[in-house]
């Protein structure tokens, strides 16, 4: 299983997720979306699988800094452009196990997700 954790390195929740994965010896790659931008295709896939409201963090500081027009005209196409321009607009962390996508971090959720993995 190829696991990638997407987020930004200075996010507390992302740090907690990384720490949990490391403590449970889960082999994963960390992808900082600020340092290495996501592709439009990758964002399209996430939006298709998870939905617009799941991927875009409407409680973030970045969201609040967008213009009213940008917020009101949000759709899949505009979300991709906004996420490419403002990677911190995505909910995080996003864990891609290769077979499933999981947004956010709760230790119990990760425990259940990796129950079949040797912990």
Protein backbone atom coordinates (compact mmCIF):
# COMPACT_ATOMS: atom_id res chain seq x y z
CA UNK A 1 0.00 0.00 0.00
CA UNK A 2 1.36 3.40 -1.00
CA UNK A 3 0.25 6.02 1.50
CA UNK A 4 0.65 9.77 1.09
CA UNK A 5 -0.29 12.44 3.59
CA UNK A 6 -1.07 15.84 2.04
CA UNK A 7 -1.00 19.05 4.02
CA UNK A 8 1.28 21.84 5.17
CA UNK A 9 4.12 21.22 7.58
CA UNK A 10 3.20 23.97 10.07
CA UNK A 11 -0.42 22.83 10.55
CA UNK A 12 -0.99 21.35 14.03
CA UNK A 13 -3.46 18.75 12.76
CA UNK A 14 -1.09 17.65 10.01
CA UNK A 15 1.72 17.37 12.58
CA UNK A 16 -0.52 15.22 14.79
CA UNK A 17 -1.36 12.95 11.85
CA UNK A 18 2.31 12.63 10.89
CA UNK A 19 3.24 11.83 14.48
CA UNK A 20 0.52 9.15 14.69
CA UNK A 21 1.65 7.52 11.45
CA UNK A 22 5.28 7.54 12.59
CA UNK A 23 4.43 6.15 16.05
CA UNK A 24 2.49 3.32 14.43
CA UNK A 25 5.29 2.66 11.91
CA UNK A 26 3.05 3.31 8.92
CA UNK A 27 5.18 3.81 5.82
CA UNK A 28 4.02 7.06 4.22
CA UNK A 29 5.23 9.98 2.15
CA UNK A 30 4.48 13.53 3.22
CA UNK A 31 3.50 15.98 0.49
CA UNK A 32 3.60 19.63 1.54
CA UNK A 33 1.14 21.32 -0.81
CA UNK A 34 2.92 24.65 -0.41
CA UNK A 35 6.33 23.29 -1.37
CA UNK A 36 5.13 20.96 -4.12
CA UNK A 37 1.93 22.20 -5.76
CA UNK A 38 -0.85 19.78 -6.55
CA UNK A 39 -1.95 19.17 -10.12
CA UNK A 40 -5.33 20.16 -11.50
CA UNK A 41 -5.98 16.48 -12.28
CA UNK A 42 -5.26 15.47 -8.70
CA UNK A 43 -7.63 18.13 -7.38
CA UNK A 44 -10.28 17.07 -9.90
CA UNK A 45 -10.02 13.48 -8.67
CA UNK A 46 -10.34 14.57 -5.04
CA UNK A 47 -13.35 16.75 -5.80
CA UNK A 48 -14.97 13.90 -7.76
CA UNK A 49 -14.40 11.41 -4.94
CA UNK A 50 -14.96 13.58 -1.88
CA UNK A 51 -17.05 16.49 -3.07
CA UNK A 52 -16.53 20.22 -3.15
CA UNK A 53 -17.68 20.88 0.41
CA UNK A 54 -15.37 18.20 1.79
CA UNK A 55 -12.20 19.42 0.07
CA UNK A 56 -12.61 23.19 0.41
CA UNK A 57 -12.18 24.45 3.97
CA UNK A 58 -14.76 27.20 4.30
CA UNK A 59 -13.69 27.83 7.91
CA UNK A 60 -10.10 28.65 7.00
CA UNK A 61 -8.44 32.04 7.13
CA UNK A 62 -7.75 31.68 3.41
CA UNK A 63 -11.47 31.26 2.68
CA UNK A 64 -12.31 34.35 4.71
CA UNK A 65 -9.74 36.36 2.73
CA UNK A 66 -11.37 35.51 -0.61
CA UNK A 67 -13.64 38.06 -2.20
CA UNK A 68 -17.39 37.70 -1.86
CA UNK A 69 -17.55 37.03 -5.62
CA UNK A 70 -15.04 34.18 -5.33
CA UNK A 71 -16.93 32.61 -2.44
CA UNK A 72 -20.36 33.00 -4.05
CA UNK A 73 -19.28 31.62 -7.42
CA UNK A 74 -17.57 28.52 -6.01
CA UNK A 75 -18.03 25.43 -8.16
CA UNK A 76 -15.78 22.50 -9.09
CA UNK A 77 -13.99 24.43 -11.80
CA UNK A 78 -13.39 27.57 -9.76
CA UNK A 79 -12.40 25.45 -6.74
CA UNK A 80 -9.57 23.87 -8.70
CA UNK A 81 -8.24 27.29 -9.72
CA UNK A 82 -8.54 28.57 -6.14
CA UNK A 83 -6.87 25.49 -4.64
CA UNK A 84 -4.02 25.77 -7.13
CA UNK A 85 -3.56 29.43 -6.21
CA UNK A 86 -4.23 28.99 -2.47
CA UNK A 87 -3.23 25.47 -1.37
CA UNK A 88 -4.07 26.31 2.25
CA UNK A 89 -7.73 26.43 1.20
CA UNK A 90 -7.90 22.63 1.27
CA UNK A 91 -9.09 20.77 4.33
CA UNK A 92 -6.18 18.93 5.83
CA UNK A 93 -4.66 16.59 6.28
CA UNK A 94 -5.73 14.48 3.35
CA UNK A 95 -4.56 10.89 3.61
CA UNK A 96 -4.42 8.86 0.40
CA UNK A 97 -3.85 5.18 1.15
CA UNK A 98 -3.84 4.25 -2.52
CA UNK A 99 -7.30 2.78 -2.20
CA UNK A 100 -9.15 5.39 -0.15
CA UNK A 101 -9.04 9.09 0.68
CA UNK A 102 -9.53 10.32 4.23
CA UNK A 103 -9.84 13.97 5.27
CA UNK A 104 -8.92 15.30 8.68
CA UNK A 105 -7.26 13.53 11.57
CA UNK A 106 -8.65 11.65 14.51
CA UNK A 107 -6.54 8.92 16.06
CA UNK A 108 -9.52 6.55 16.30
CA UNK A 109 -10.28 7.01 12.59
CA UNK A 110 -6.66 6.29 11.62
CA UNK A 111 -6.65 3.27 13.94
CA UNK A 112 -9.73 1.87 12.18
CA UNK A 113 -8.34 2.73 8.75
CA UNK A 114 -5.09 0.90 9.40
CA UNK A 115 -6.58 -1.96 11.47
CA UNK A 116 -5.58 -4.43 8.78
CA UNK A 117 -2.05 -2.99 8.76
CA UNK A 118 0.53 -4.30 11.22
CA UNK A 119 0.47 -1.78 14.05
